[in-house]
């Protein structure tokens, strides 16, 4: 199930990693794609999170531990895609100089945290969901500073 979730999100996000524009432009596009994936398939996202959290909180058999390690590799590979683009943004000057690994983990953690409060409103259009995803990403990447 987790593998399928990662496949779905990678299909939406990875084309933007090698796209055109600055590192920041690409990171924004990737983040919006990630957020839309979460928001449009929220129930699936909840199941994945519950399964991973559950496995992390119990004693695991060897087979389960190996499966969790494989899942962590998928997550790590995905995170590294974001980190490479963040580094590109730092290098091209479109992102300020920060610890790219810390920035990437913070960004992805905050994008994923939206599942704690987001619920699609009946009648909410795809354009409205897209607009919300853009506003979330703007806050995360643009920050609150004036």
N, C-alpha and C. Protein backbone atom coordinates (compact mmCIF):
# COMPACT_ATOMS: atom_id res chain seq x y z
N UNK A 1 0.82 -1.19 0.00
CA UNK A 1 0.00 0.00 0.00
C UNK A 1 0.87 1.26 0.00
N UNK A 2 1.89 1.28 0.87
CA UNK A 2 2.79 2.43 0.94
C UNK A 2 3.51 2.62 -0.39
N UNK A 3 3.93 1.50 -0.98
CA UNK A 3 4.63 1.58 -2.26
C UNK A 3 3.73 2.23 -3.31
N UNK A 4 2.46 1.87 -3.32
CA UNK A 4 1.52 2.46 -4.27
C UNK A 4 1.36 3.95 -4.01
N UNK A 5 1.28 4.33 -2.76
CA UNK A 5 1.19 5.75 -2.42
C UNK A 5 2.40 6.52 -2.88
N UNK A 6 3.59 5.95 -2.68
CA UNK A 6 4.81 6.61 -3.13
C UNK A 6 4.86 6.68 -4.65
N UNK A 7 4.39 5.64 -5.33
CA UNK A 7 4.36 5.66 -6.79
C UNK A 7 3.47 6.79 -7.28
N UNK A 8 2.31 6.93 -6.66
CA UNK A 8 1.37 7.98 -7.07
C UNK A 8 1.95 9.38 -6.89
N UNK A 9 2.54 9.62 -5.74
CA UNK A 9 3.05 10.96 -5.49
C UNK A 9 4.28 11.23 -6.36
N UNK A 10 5.12 10.24 -6.57
CA UNK A 10 6.30 10.44 -7.43
C UNK A 10 5.89 10.76 -8.86
N UNK A 11 4.85 10.09 -9.34
CA UNK A 11 4.37 10.38 -10.71
C UNK A 11 3.98 11.84 -10.87
N UNK A 12 3.44 12.42 -9.83
CA UNK A 12 2.99 13.81 -9.90
C UNK A 12 4.12 14.80 -9.65
N UNK A 13 5.06 14.43 -8.79
CA UNK A 13 6.08 15.37 -8.33
C UNK A 13 7.33 15.37 -9.20
N UNK A 14 7.83 14.18 -9.54
CA UNK A 14 9.14 14.09 -10.18
C UNK A 14 9.27 14.82 -11.50
N UNK A 15 8.23 14.92 -12.34
CA UNK A 15 8.40 15.69 -13.58
C UNK A 15 8.82 17.14 -13.33
N UNK A 16 8.42 17.69 -12.19
CA UNK A 16 8.76 19.08 -11.87
C UNK A 16 10.21 19.22 -11.41
N UNK A 17 10.79 18.15 -10.89
CA UNK A 17 12.16 18.21 -10.37
C UNK A 17 13.15 18.57 -11.48
N UNK A 18 12.92 18.03 -12.65
CA UNK A 18 13.82 18.30 -13.78
C UNK A 18 13.27 19.33 -14.74
N UNK A 19 12.24 20.03 -14.32
CA UNK A 19 11.59 21.01 -15.20
C UNK A 19 12.42 22.26 -15.40
N UNK A 20 11.77 23.25 -15.96
CA UNK A 20 12.43 24.53 -16.24
C UNK A 20 12.27 25.47 -15.06
N UNK A 21 13.09 26.48 -15.04
CA UNK A 21 13.00 27.50 -14.00
C UNK A 21 14.10 27.34 -12.96
N UNK A 22 14.04 28.23 -12.00
CA UNK A 22 15.02 28.21 -10.92
C UNK A 22 14.75 27.03 -9.99
N UNK A 23 15.68 26.80 -9.11
CA UNK A 23 15.47 25.77 -8.10
C UNK A 23 14.22 26.06 -7.28
N UNK A 24 14.01 27.32 -6.94
CA UNK A 24 12.81 27.70 -6.18
C UNK A 24 11.56 27.42 -6.99
N UNK A 25 11.55 27.79 -8.27
CA UNK A 25 10.38 27.54 -9.12
C UNK A 25 10.03 26.05 -9.13
N UNK A 26 11.06 25.23 -9.28
CA UNK A 26 10.84 23.78 -9.34
C UNK A 26 10.40 23.23 -7.98
N UNK A 27 10.99 23.75 -6.89
CA UNK A 27 10.60 23.31 -5.56
C UNK A 27 9.14 23.69 -5.27
N UNK A 28 8.73 24.85 -5.69
CA UNK A 28 7.33 25.26 -5.53
C UNK A 28 6.41 24.32 -6.32
N UNK A 29 6.75 24.05 -7.57
CA UNK A 29 5.91 23.17 -8.40
C UNK A 29 5.84 21.76 -7.80
N UNK A 30 6.96 21.26 -7.31
CA UNK A 30 6.99 19.93 -6.68
C UNK A 30 6.12 19.92 -5.43
N UNK A 31 6.22 20.96 -4.64
CA UNK A 31 5.47 21.05 -3.38
C UNK A 31 3.97 21.14 -3.64
N UNK A 32 3.58 21.90 -4.64
CA UNK A 32 2.16 21.99 -4.99
C UNK A 32 1.66 20.62 -5.45
N UNK A 33 2.44 19.94 -6.28
CA UNK A 33 2.04 18.61 -6.75
C UNK A 33 1.92 17.64 -5.58
N UNK A 34 2.85 17.72 -4.63
CA UNK A 34 2.81 16.86 -3.45
C UNK A 34 1.54 17.15 -2.64
N UNK A 35 1.26 18.43 -2.44
CA UNK A 35 0.11 18.81 -1.63
C UNK A 35 -1.20 18.43 -2.31
N UNK A 36 -1.27 18.61 -3.61
CA UNK A 36 -2.48 18.20 -4.34
C UNK A 36 -2.69 16.70 -4.24
N UNK A 37 -1.62 15.94 -4.33
CA UNK A 37 -1.74 14.49 -4.18
C UNK A 37 -2.34 14.15 -2.82
N UNK A 38 -1.84 14.79 -1.78
CA UNK A 38 -2.35 14.54 -0.44
C UNK A 38 -3.82 14.96 -0.33
N UNK A 39 -4.14 16.15 -0.80
CA UNK A 39 -5.48 16.70 -0.62
C UNK A 39 -6.53 15.97 -1.45
N UNK A 40 -6.14 15.48 -2.60
CA UNK A 40 -7.10 14.82 -3.48
C UNK A 40 -7.29 13.35 -3.12
N UNK A 41 -6.37 12.79 -2.36
CA UNK A 41 -6.46 11.38 -1.98
C UNK A 41 -6.20 11.26 -0.48
N UNK A 42 -6.91 12.06 0.29
CA UNK A 42 -6.67 12.20 1.72
C UNK A 42 -6.86 10.89 2.48
N UNK A 43 -7.90 10.15 2.16
CA UNK A 43 -8.16 8.90 2.89
C UNK A 43 -7.00 7.92 2.70
N UNK A 44 -6.47 7.83 1.50
CA UNK A 44 -5.34 6.94 1.22
C UNK A 44 -4.13 7.38 2.04
N UNK A 45 -3.91 8.68 2.11
CA UNK A 45 -2.79 9.24 2.86
C UNK A 45 -2.92 8.89 4.35
N UNK A 46 -4.13 8.99 4.89
CA UNK A 46 -4.36 8.64 6.30
C UNK A 46 -4.01 7.18 6.57
N UNK A 47 -4.44 6.29 5.70
CA UNK A 47 -4.17 4.87 5.88
C UNK A 47 -2.68 4.60 5.88
N UNK A 48 -1.96 5.21 4.97
CA UNK A 48 -0.51 5.03 4.90
C UNK A 48 0.15 5.50 6.18
N UNK A 49 -0.21 6.71 6.63
CA UNK A 49 0.39 7.24 7.85
C UNK A 49 0.10 6.36 9.06
N UNK A 50 -1.12 5.90 9.18
CA UNK A 50 -1.47 5.03 10.30
C UNK A 50 -0.67 3.73 10.26
N UNK A 51 -0.51 3.16 9.09
CA UNK A 51 0.23 1.91 8.97
C UNK A 51 1.69 2.10 9.36
N UNK A 52 2.31 3.16 8.88
CA UNK A 52 3.72 3.40 9.19
C UNK A 52 3.89 3.74 10.66
N UNK A 53 3.02 4.60 11.20
CA UNK A 53 3.11 4.93 12.62
C UNK A 53 2.90 3.69 13.49
N UNK A 54 1.98 2.84 13.09
CA UNK A 54 1.71 1.62 13.84
C UNK A 54 2.90 0.69 13.85
N UNK A 55 3.57 0.56 12.71
CA UNK A 55 4.74 -0.31 12.64
C UNK A 55 5.88 0.24 13.47
N UNK A 56 5.97 1.55 13.59
CA UNK A 56 7.07 2.14 14.33
C UNK A 56 6.86 2.03 15.84
N UNK A 57 5.65 1.76 16.26
CA UNK A 57 5.36 1.77 17.69
C UNK A 57 5.23 0.37 18.30
N UNK A 58 5.50 -0.66 17.54
CA UNK A 58 5.40 -2.02 18.06
C UNK A 58 6.68 -2.79 17.75
N UNK A 59 6.88 -3.85 18.50
CA UNK A 59 8.02 -4.73 18.23
C UNK A 59 7.77 -5.42 16.89
N UNK A 60 8.76 -5.40 16.03
CA UNK A 60 8.59 -5.93 14.68
C UNK A 60 9.29 -7.26 14.51
N UNK A 61 8.68 -8.11 13.74
CA UNK A 61 9.32 -9.35 13.32
C UNK A 61 10.29 -9.00 12.21
N UNK A 62 11.19 -9.89 11.89
CA UNK A 62 12.21 -9.63 10.88
C UNK A 62 11.60 -9.20 9.55
N UNK A 63 10.58 -9.90 9.11
CA UNK A 63 9.93 -9.57 7.83
C UNK A 63 9.33 -8.16 7.87
N UNK A 64 8.71 -7.80 8.99
CA UNK A 64 8.12 -6.48 9.13
C UNK A 64 9.20 -5.40 9.18
N UNK A 65 10.28 -5.69 9.88
CA UNK A 65 11.39 -4.74 9.98
C UNK A 65 12.00 -4.50 8.60
N UNK A 66 12.18 -5.59 7.84
CA UNK A 66 12.72 -5.46 6.48
C UNK A 66 11.79 -4.63 5.60
N UNK A 67 10.49 -4.85 5.74
CA UNK A 67 9.52 -4.09 4.96
C UNK A 67 9.57 -2.61 5.34
N UNK A 68 9.70 -2.32 6.64
CA UNK A 68 9.78 -0.94 7.08
C UNK A 68 11.05 -0.27 6.57
N UNK A 69 12.15 -1.02 6.55
CA UNK A 69 13.40 -0.47 6.00
C UNK A 69 13.25 -0.15 4.52
N UNK A 70 12.56 -1.01 3.79
CA UNK A 70 12.32 -0.76 2.36
C UNK A 70 11.46 0.48 2.17
N UNK A 71 10.46 0.64 3.02
CA UNK A 71 9.60 1.83 2.94
C UNK A 71 10.38 3.08 3.26
N UNK A 72 11.26 2.98 4.24
CA UNK A 72 12.09 4.13 4.60
C UNK A 72 13.03 4.51 3.46
N UNK A 73 13.49 3.52 2.70
CA UNK A 73 14.33 3.82 1.53
C UNK A 73 13.54 4.58 0.48
N UNK A 74 12.29 4.17 0.25
CA UNK A 74 11.43 4.88 -0.70
C UNK A 74 11.24 6.33 -0.26
N UNK A 75 10.95 6.52 1.02
CA UNK A 75 10.76 7.87 1.56
C UNK A 75 12.03 8.69 1.43
N UNK A 76 13.15 8.06 1.76
CA UNK A 76 14.44 8.75 1.69
C UNK A 76 14.78 9.16 0.25
N UNK A 77 14.53 8.28 -0.70
CA UNK A 77 14.78 8.62 -2.11
C UNK A 77 13.92 9.81 -2.54
N UNK A 78 12.67 9.80 -2.12
CA UNK A 78 11.75 10.90 -2.44
C UNK A 78 12.25 12.21 -1.82
N UNK A 79 12.64 12.13 -0.56
CA UNK A 79 13.16 13.30 0.14
C UNK A 79 14.42 13.83 -0.55
N UNK A 80 15.27 12.93 -1.02
CA UNK A 80 16.50 13.35 -1.70
C UNK A 80 16.21 14.10 -3.00
N UNK A 81 15.11 13.75 -3.67
CA UNK A 81 14.72 14.50 -4.87
C UNK A 81 14.44 15.96 -4.51
N UNK A 82 13.70 16.17 -3.43
CA UNK A 82 13.44 17.53 -2.97
C UNK A 82 14.72 18.23 -2.55
N UNK A 83 15.59 17.50 -1.87
CA UNK A 83 16.84 18.09 -1.41
C UNK A 83 17.72 18.53 -2.57
N UNK A 84 17.80 17.72 -3.61
CA UNK A 84 18.61 18.10 -4.79
C UNK A 84 18.10 19.40 -5.40
N UNK A 85 16.80 19.55 -5.48
CA UNK A 85 16.23 20.76 -6.06
C UNK A 85 16.45 21.95 -5.12
N UNK A 86 16.36 21.72 -3.81
CA UNK A 86 16.65 22.79 -2.85
C UNK A 86 18.10 23.26 -3.00
N UNK A 87 19.02 22.32 -3.14
CA UNK A 87 20.43 22.67 -3.33
C UNK A 87 20.60 23.47 -4.62
N UNK A 88 19.90 23.07 -5.67
CA UNK A 88 19.96 23.81 -6.94
C UNK A 88 19.47 25.24 -6.73
N UNK A 89 18.43 25.41 -5.94
CA UNK A 89 17.91 26.75 -5.65
C UNK A 89 18.89 27.58 -4.84
N UNK A 90 19.57 26.95 -3.91
CA UNK A 90 20.59 27.66 -3.13
C UNK A 90 21.73 28.06 -4.05
N UNK A 91 22.13 27.14 -4.92
CA UNK A 91 23.24 27.42 -5.85
C UNK A 91 22.90 28.51 -6.85
N UNK A 92 21.63 28.56 -7.32
CA UNK A 92 21.28 29.58 -8.33
C UNK A 92 20.81 30.89 -7.69
N UNK A 93 20.77 30.92 -6.35
CA UNK A 93 20.42 32.15 -5.65
C UNK A 93 18.92 32.39 -5.50
N UNK A 94 18.10 31.46 -5.93
CA UNK A 94 16.66 31.66 -5.80
C UNK A 94 16.15 31.26 -4.41
N UNK A 95 16.96 30.55 -3.65
CA UNK A 95 16.68 30.22 -2.25
C UNK A 95 17.87 30.70 -1.42
N UNK A 96 17.59 31.15 -0.23
CA UNK A 96 18.70 31.61 0.61
C UNK A 96 19.53 30.43 1.10
N UNK A 97 20.73 30.72 1.55
CA UNK A 97 21.64 29.67 1.99
C UNK A 97 21.18 29.13 3.34
N UNK A 98 20.73 27.89 3.32
CA UNK A 98 20.28 27.18 4.51
C UNK A 98 20.77 25.74 4.42
N UNK A 99 20.59 25.00 5.48
CA UNK A 99 20.88 23.58 5.47
C UNK A 99 19.79 22.92 4.63
N UNK A 100 20.15 22.44 3.46
CA UNK A 100 19.17 21.90 2.51
C UNK A 100 18.46 20.68 3.06
N UNK A 101 19.16 19.83 3.82
CA UNK A 101 18.53 18.65 4.39
C UNK A 101 17.48 19.05 5.42
N UNK A 102 17.81 20.00 6.27
CA UNK A 102 16.86 20.48 7.28
C UNK A 102 15.67 21.16 6.61
N UNK A 103 15.95 21.98 5.60
CA UNK A 103 14.87 22.67 4.89
C UNK A 103 13.92 21.67 4.22
N UNK A 104 14.49 20.64 3.62
CA UNK A 104 13.69 19.63 2.93
C UNK A 104 12.80 18.87 3.92
N UNK A 105 13.37 18.44 5.00
CA UNK A 105 12.57 17.69 6.00
C UNK A 105 11.49 18.57 6.60
N UNK A 106 11.82 19.82 6.87
CA UNK A 106 10.84 20.74 7.42
C UNK A 106 9.72 20.99 6.42
N UNK A 107 10.08 21.20 5.17
CA UNK A 107 9.08 21.43 4.13
C UNK A 107 8.15 20.22 3.99
N UNK A 108 8.72 19.04 3.82
CA UNK A 108 7.89 17.84 3.63
C UNK A 108 7.05 17.53 4.86
N UNK A 109 7.60 17.72 6.04
CA UNK A 109 6.83 17.48 7.26
C UNK A 109 5.62 18.41 7.33
N UNK A 110 5.84 19.65 6.97
CA UNK A 110 4.74 20.62 7.01
C UNK A 110 3.72 20.36 5.90
N UNK A 111 4.18 19.97 4.73
CA UNK A 111 3.24 19.61 3.67
C UNK A 111 2.38 18.43 4.11
N UNK A 112 2.99 17.42 4.71
CA UNK A 112 2.27 16.24 5.15
C UNK A 112 1.34 16.52 6.32
N UNK A 113 1.66 17.52 7.14
CA UNK A 113 0.85 17.83 8.31
C UNK A 113 -0.52 18.38 7.94
N UNK A 114 -0.69 18.80 6.72
CA UNK A 114 -1.98 19.33 6.28
C UNK A 114 -3.08 18.27 6.46
N UNK A 115 -2.69 17.00 6.42
CA UNK A 115 -3.70 15.95 6.60
C UNK A 115 -4.32 15.98 7.99
N UNK A 116 -3.71 16.69 8.92
CA UNK A 116 -4.26 16.79 10.28
C UNK A 116 -5.50 17.69 10.32
N UNK A 117 -5.59 18.65 9.40
CA UNK A 117 -6.70 19.59 9.47
C UNK A 117 -7.51 19.71 8.19
N UNK A 118 -6.94 19.35 7.06
CA UNK A 118 -7.66 19.55 5.80
C UNK A 118 -8.76 18.52 5.63
N UNK A 119 -9.92 19.00 5.24
CA UNK A 119 -11.05 18.16 4.83
C UNK A 119 -11.69 18.86 3.65
N UNK A 120 -11.87 18.12 2.59
CA UNK A 120 -12.49 18.71 1.40
C UNK A 120 -13.93 19.10 1.73
N UNK A 121 -14.27 20.30 1.36
CA UNK A 121 -15.62 20.83 1.59
C UNK A 121 -16.49 20.40 0.44
N UNK A 122 -17.69 19.94 0.75
CA UNK A 122 -18.61 19.51 -0.30
C UNK A 122 -18.80 20.66 -1.29
N UNK A 123 -18.66 20.33 -2.56
CA UNK A 123 -18.81 21.33 -3.61
C UNK A 123 -17.54 22.11 -3.92
N UNK A 124 -16.46 21.84 -3.18
CA UNK A 124 -15.20 22.54 -3.41
C UNK A 124 -14.64 22.12 -4.76
N UNK A 125 -14.36 23.09 -5.59
CA UNK A 125 -13.88 22.80 -6.95
C UNK A 125 -12.40 22.43 -6.95
N UNK A 126 -11.97 21.83 -8.03
CA UNK A 126 -10.55 21.49 -8.20
C UNK A 126 -9.71 22.77 -8.19
N UNK A 127 -10.23 23.84 -8.76
CA UNK A 127 -9.50 25.12 -8.75
C UNK A 127 -9.32 25.66 -7.33
N UNK A 128 -10.34 25.47 -6.50
CA UNK A 128 -10.24 25.93 -5.11
C UNK A 128 -9.22 25.09 -4.33
N UNK A 129 -9.18 23.81 -4.58
CA UNK A 129 -8.19 22.94 -3.93
C UNK A 129 -6.80 23.34 -4.40
N UNK A 130 -6.64 23.57 -5.69
CA UNK A 130 -5.35 24.00 -6.23
C UNK A 130 -4.91 25.32 -5.60
N UNK A 131 -5.84 26.27 -5.50
CA UNK A 131 -5.52 27.57 -4.90
C UNK A 131 -5.06 27.40 -3.45
N UNK A 132 -5.74 26.55 -2.70
CA UNK A 132 -5.34 26.30 -1.31
C UNK A 132 -3.95 25.68 -1.26
N UNK A 133 -3.67 24.72 -2.11
CA UNK A 133 -2.34 24.10 -2.15
C UNK A 133 -1.28 25.16 -2.45
N UNK A 134 -1.56 26.05 -3.38
CA UNK A 134 -0.61 27.13 -3.72
C UNK A 134 -0.38 28.05 -2.54
N UNK A 135 -1.44 28.39 -1.82
CA UNK A 135 -1.30 29.28 -0.67
C UNK A 135 -0.50 28.61 0.45
N UNK A 136 -0.71 27.33 0.67
CA UNK A 136 0.06 26.59 1.67
C UNK A 136 1.54 26.59 1.30
N UNK A 137 1.83 26.27 0.06
CA UNK A 137 3.23 26.22 -0.40
C UNK A 137 3.87 27.60 -0.33
N UNK A 138 3.12 28.65 -0.66
CA UNK A 138 3.65 30.01 -0.57
C UNK A 138 4.06 30.33 0.87
N UNK A 139 3.22 29.95 1.83
CA UNK A 139 3.57 30.19 3.24
C UNK A 139 4.82 29.40 3.64
N UNK A 140 4.89 28.14 3.19
CA UNK A 140 6.01 27.30 3.60
C UNK A 140 7.33 27.72 2.96
N UNK A 141 7.29 28.03 1.68
CA UNK A 141 8.53 28.38 0.99
C UNK A 141 8.82 29.87 1.07
N UNK A 142 7.76 30.68 0.99
CA UNK A 142 7.93 32.13 1.06
C UNK A 142 8.08 32.64 2.46
N UNK A 143 7.54 31.93 3.41
CA UNK A 143 7.64 32.34 4.81
C UNK A 143 6.65 33.43 5.17
N UNK A 144 6.79 33.93 6.37
CA UNK A 144 5.90 34.95 6.89
C UNK A 144 6.54 36.33 6.89
N UNK A 145 7.84 36.41 6.66
CA UNK A 145 8.53 37.69 6.71
C UNK A 145 8.02 38.63 5.63
N UNK A 146 7.97 39.90 5.96
CA UNK A 146 7.51 40.91 4.99
C UNK A 146 8.60 41.21 3.99
